[in-house]
Protein backbone atom coordinates (compact mmCIF):
# COMPACT_ATOMS: atom_id res chain seq x y z
CA MET A 1 -145.56 -91.38 98.04
CA SER A 2 -142.22 -89.66 98.36
CA THR A 3 -138.93 -91.50 99.18
CA ARG A 4 -138.30 -91.67 102.82
CA TYR A 5 -134.83 -91.97 104.36
CA THR A 6 -133.81 -92.98 107.87
CA THR A 7 -130.58 -93.37 109.76
CA ILE A 8 -129.55 -96.57 111.39
CA GLU A 9 -126.91 -96.75 114.14
CA ILE A 10 -125.17 -100.04 114.90
CA GLU A 11 -122.97 -100.19 117.97
CA LYS A 12 -122.49 -103.78 119.22
CA GLU A 13 -120.16 -105.01 121.99
CA TYR A 14 -118.72 -107.63 119.71
CA LEU A 15 -117.64 -104.88 117.19
CA HIS A 16 -114.15 -104.45 118.62
CA PHE A 17 -110.70 -105.71 118.27
CA SER A 18 -107.43 -105.70 120.54
CA ALA A 19 -104.33 -104.57 118.80
CA ALA A 20 -100.84 -103.28 119.57
CA HIS A 21 -99.43 -100.21 117.90
CA PHE A 22 -97.27 -96.99 118.33
CA THR A 23 -98.29 -93.57 117.00
CA ILE A 24 -95.62 -91.75 115.11
CA PHE A 25 -95.69 -88.06 115.88
CA SER A 26 -92.83 -86.84 113.74
CA ALA A 27 -89.58 -88.02 111.99
CA THR A 28 -88.03 -88.27 115.52
CA GLU A 29 -90.78 -88.87 118.10
CA ARG A 30 -93.19 -91.92 118.51
CA GLU A 31 -95.13 -93.54 121.34
CA ARG A 32 -93.79 -96.70 122.95
CA LEU A 33 -95.46 -99.94 121.82
CA HIS A 34 -98.76 -100.40 123.59
CA GLY A 35 -102.38 -101.77 122.90
CA HIS A 36 -105.89 -100.75 122.88
CA ASN A 37 -109.34 -102.29 122.68
CA PHE A 38 -110.51 -100.61 119.57
CA PHE A 39 -114.32 -100.32 119.25
CA VAL A 40 -116.14 -99.78 115.84
CA ALA A 41 -119.63 -98.31 115.30
CA ILE A 42 -121.49 -97.29 112.25
CA LYS A 43 -124.30 -94.86 111.16
CA VAL A 44 -125.87 -95.34 107.85
CA THR A 45 -128.56 -93.34 106.11
CA SER A 46 -130.76 -95.34 103.70
CA GLU A 47 -134.07 -95.33 101.83
CA VAL A 48 -136.99 -97.00 103.78
CA GLY A 49 -138.37 -99.89 101.64
CA GLU A 50 -141.94 -100.73 101.16
CA ASN A 51 -141.66 -103.19 104.04
CA GLY A 52 -140.84 -100.47 106.39
CA MET A 53 -137.07 -101.45 106.66
CA CYS A 54 -133.99 -100.06 105.07
CA PHE A 55 -132.23 -103.25 104.59
CA ASP A 56 -130.96 -106.37 106.38
CA TYR A 57 -128.86 -105.02 109.27
CA ASN A 58 -127.18 -108.32 109.46
CA VAL A 59 -125.15 -107.66 106.37
CA LEU A 60 -123.58 -104.66 107.88
CA LYS A 61 -123.01 -106.29 111.26
CA ASP A 62 -121.36 -109.43 109.78
CA THR A 63 -119.12 -107.53 107.55
CA LEU A 64 -117.89 -105.30 110.51
CA ARG A 65 -117.44 -108.37 112.75
CA THR A 66 -115.42 -110.01 110.03
CA ILE A 67 -113.17 -106.95 109.79
CA CYS A 68 -112.81 -106.75 113.41
CA GLU A 69 -111.93 -110.42 113.81
CA ARG A 70 -109.30 -109.84 110.99
CA TYR A 71 -107.47 -107.20 113.10
CA ASP A 72 -107.79 -108.81 116.55
CA GLU A 73 -104.62 -109.64 118.50
CA TYR A 74 -102.08 -108.22 116.01
CA MET A 75 -99.67 -105.46 115.94
CA LEU A 76 -100.63 -102.90 113.42
CA ILE A 77 -97.95 -101.23 111.32
CA PRO A 78 -98.56 -98.19 109.16
CA ALA A 79 -97.02 -99.30 105.88
CA SER A 80 -97.44 -95.75 104.26
CA SER A 81 -95.76 -93.79 107.00
CA PRO A 82 -93.16 -91.29 105.60
CA TYR A 83 -91.16 -91.74 108.73
CA LEU A 84 -91.10 -95.53 109.00
CA ASN A 85 -89.08 -97.80 106.69
CA VAL A 86 -90.46 -101.24 106.64
CA GLU A 87 -88.21 -104.08 105.49
CA GLU A 88 -88.74 -107.79 105.83
CA ASP A 89 -86.95 -111.28 105.90
CA ASP A 90 -88.58 -114.67 105.89
CA ALA A 91 -90.10 -114.38 109.32
CA HIS A 92 -89.90 -110.69 110.47
CA TYR A 93 -90.73 -107.22 109.69
CA ILE A 94 -87.75 -104.85 110.45
CA LEU A 95 -88.95 -101.44 111.16
CA LYS A 96 -86.44 -98.50 111.05
CA PHE A 97 -87.29 -95.36 112.74
CA ASN A 98 -84.97 -92.45 113.70
CA ASN A 99 -81.93 -94.79 114.11
CA GLU A 100 -83.89 -97.35 115.86
CA VAL A 101 -84.30 -100.87 114.48
CA LEU A 102 -87.46 -102.72 115.78
CA THR A 103 -88.04 -106.35 114.74
CA TYR A 104 -91.38 -108.25 115.01
CA LEU A 105 -92.62 -111.64 113.78
CA LYS A 106 -94.57 -111.27 110.74
CA SER A 107 -97.06 -113.80 112.15
CA ASP A 108 -97.86 -111.18 114.91
CA CYS A 109 -98.23 -108.20 112.69
CA LEU A 110 -100.45 -106.66 110.02
CA LEU A 111 -99.22 -104.01 107.54
CA LEU A 112 -102.03 -101.59 106.84
CA PRO A 113 -102.10 -99.02 103.90
CA VAL A 114 -102.27 -96.00 106.25
CA LEU A 115 -100.04 -93.15 107.37
CA ASN A 116 -100.26 -93.86 111.06
CA ILE A 117 -102.06 -96.15 113.45
CA THR A 118 -104.51 -93.54 114.86
CA VAL A 119 -108.31 -93.68 115.11
CA GLU A 120 -108.38 -91.10 112.32
CA GLU A 121 -106.59 -93.49 109.93
CA LEU A 122 -108.32 -96.65 111.26
CA SER A 123 -111.82 -95.22 110.69
CA SER A 124 -111.02 -94.17 107.28
CA HIS A 125 -109.28 -97.57 106.46
CA LEU A 126 -112.08 -99.62 107.84
CA LEU A 127 -114.62 -97.59 105.81
CA ASP A 128 -112.76 -98.29 102.55
CA LEU A 129 -112.94 -101.99 103.51
CA LEU A 130 -116.65 -101.70 104.16
CA VAL A 131 -117.49 -99.95 100.83
CA GLU A 132 -115.13 -102.18 98.61
CA ASP A 133 -118.23 -104.23 97.78
CA LYS A 134 -119.84 -101.50 95.72
CA GLU A 135 -122.54 -103.88 94.68
CA ALA A 136 -123.62 -104.72 98.29
CA VAL A 137 -123.59 -100.98 99.20
CA SER A 138 -125.74 -100.22 96.25
CA ALA A 139 -128.20 -103.05 96.99
CA MET A 140 -128.77 -101.44 100.55
CA LYS A 141 -129.44 -98.13 98.92
CA LEU A 142 -127.13 -96.42 101.38
CA SER A 143 -126.73 -92.72 100.88
CA ASP A 144 -124.26 -91.90 103.75
CA ILE A 145 -122.04 -93.86 106.03
CA GLU A 146 -120.20 -92.75 109.06
CA LEU A 147 -117.87 -95.27 110.57
CA LYS A 148 -116.44 -94.66 114.05
CA VAL A 149 -113.38 -96.17 115.74
CA SER A 150 -112.70 -95.55 119.32
CA SER A 151 -109.33 -96.28 121.21
CA GLY A 152 -110.90 -95.57 124.59
CA PRO A 153 -114.06 -94.25 126.17
CA GLY A 154 -115.02 -90.78 124.78
CA GLN A 155 -112.32 -90.67 121.97
CA TRP A 156 -113.53 -91.52 118.50
CA GLY A 157 -112.28 -91.01 114.74
CA VAL A 158 -115.17 -90.68 112.40
CA ALA A 159 -114.78 -91.35 108.62
CA LYS A 160 -117.68 -90.46 106.24
CA TRP A 161 -118.80 -91.61 102.87
CA SER A 162 -121.61 -90.42 100.79
CA SER A 163 -123.11 -91.84 97.46
CA GLY A 164 -123.58 -88.40 96.01
């Protein structure tokens, strides 16, 4: 019997997080601070096992739920932006952008290793977090992953990973 593959799509209501951010457009232009309800969905392609299943879907759902909970109700700051200088004191992040100084409590913020807080960057970053556990990905025999992040209806950023 030849190897069979199928694609599983997971898009659950609980796979979301609410976060504040501002998008940086250039060295001199940025959005005002605002928030979104970001939704996360995933599509994976995997080998179908002898039991007619690819893998235990709960593993992916639980991992994505944990990631979403980790980002919920924070201000997200792009630590790798070439236009944003991030400094800190004991309790605050001090952001310097185009002659502006923006101060936020550390306890309200997460510094992310991204260039900008956009659906493009978030989808790639969350996918990186998901595939960090190479052993788990290997055990599920995943050949392709597409992770999507939405900042609103009809607007998704999609990051892709392939085992090959």
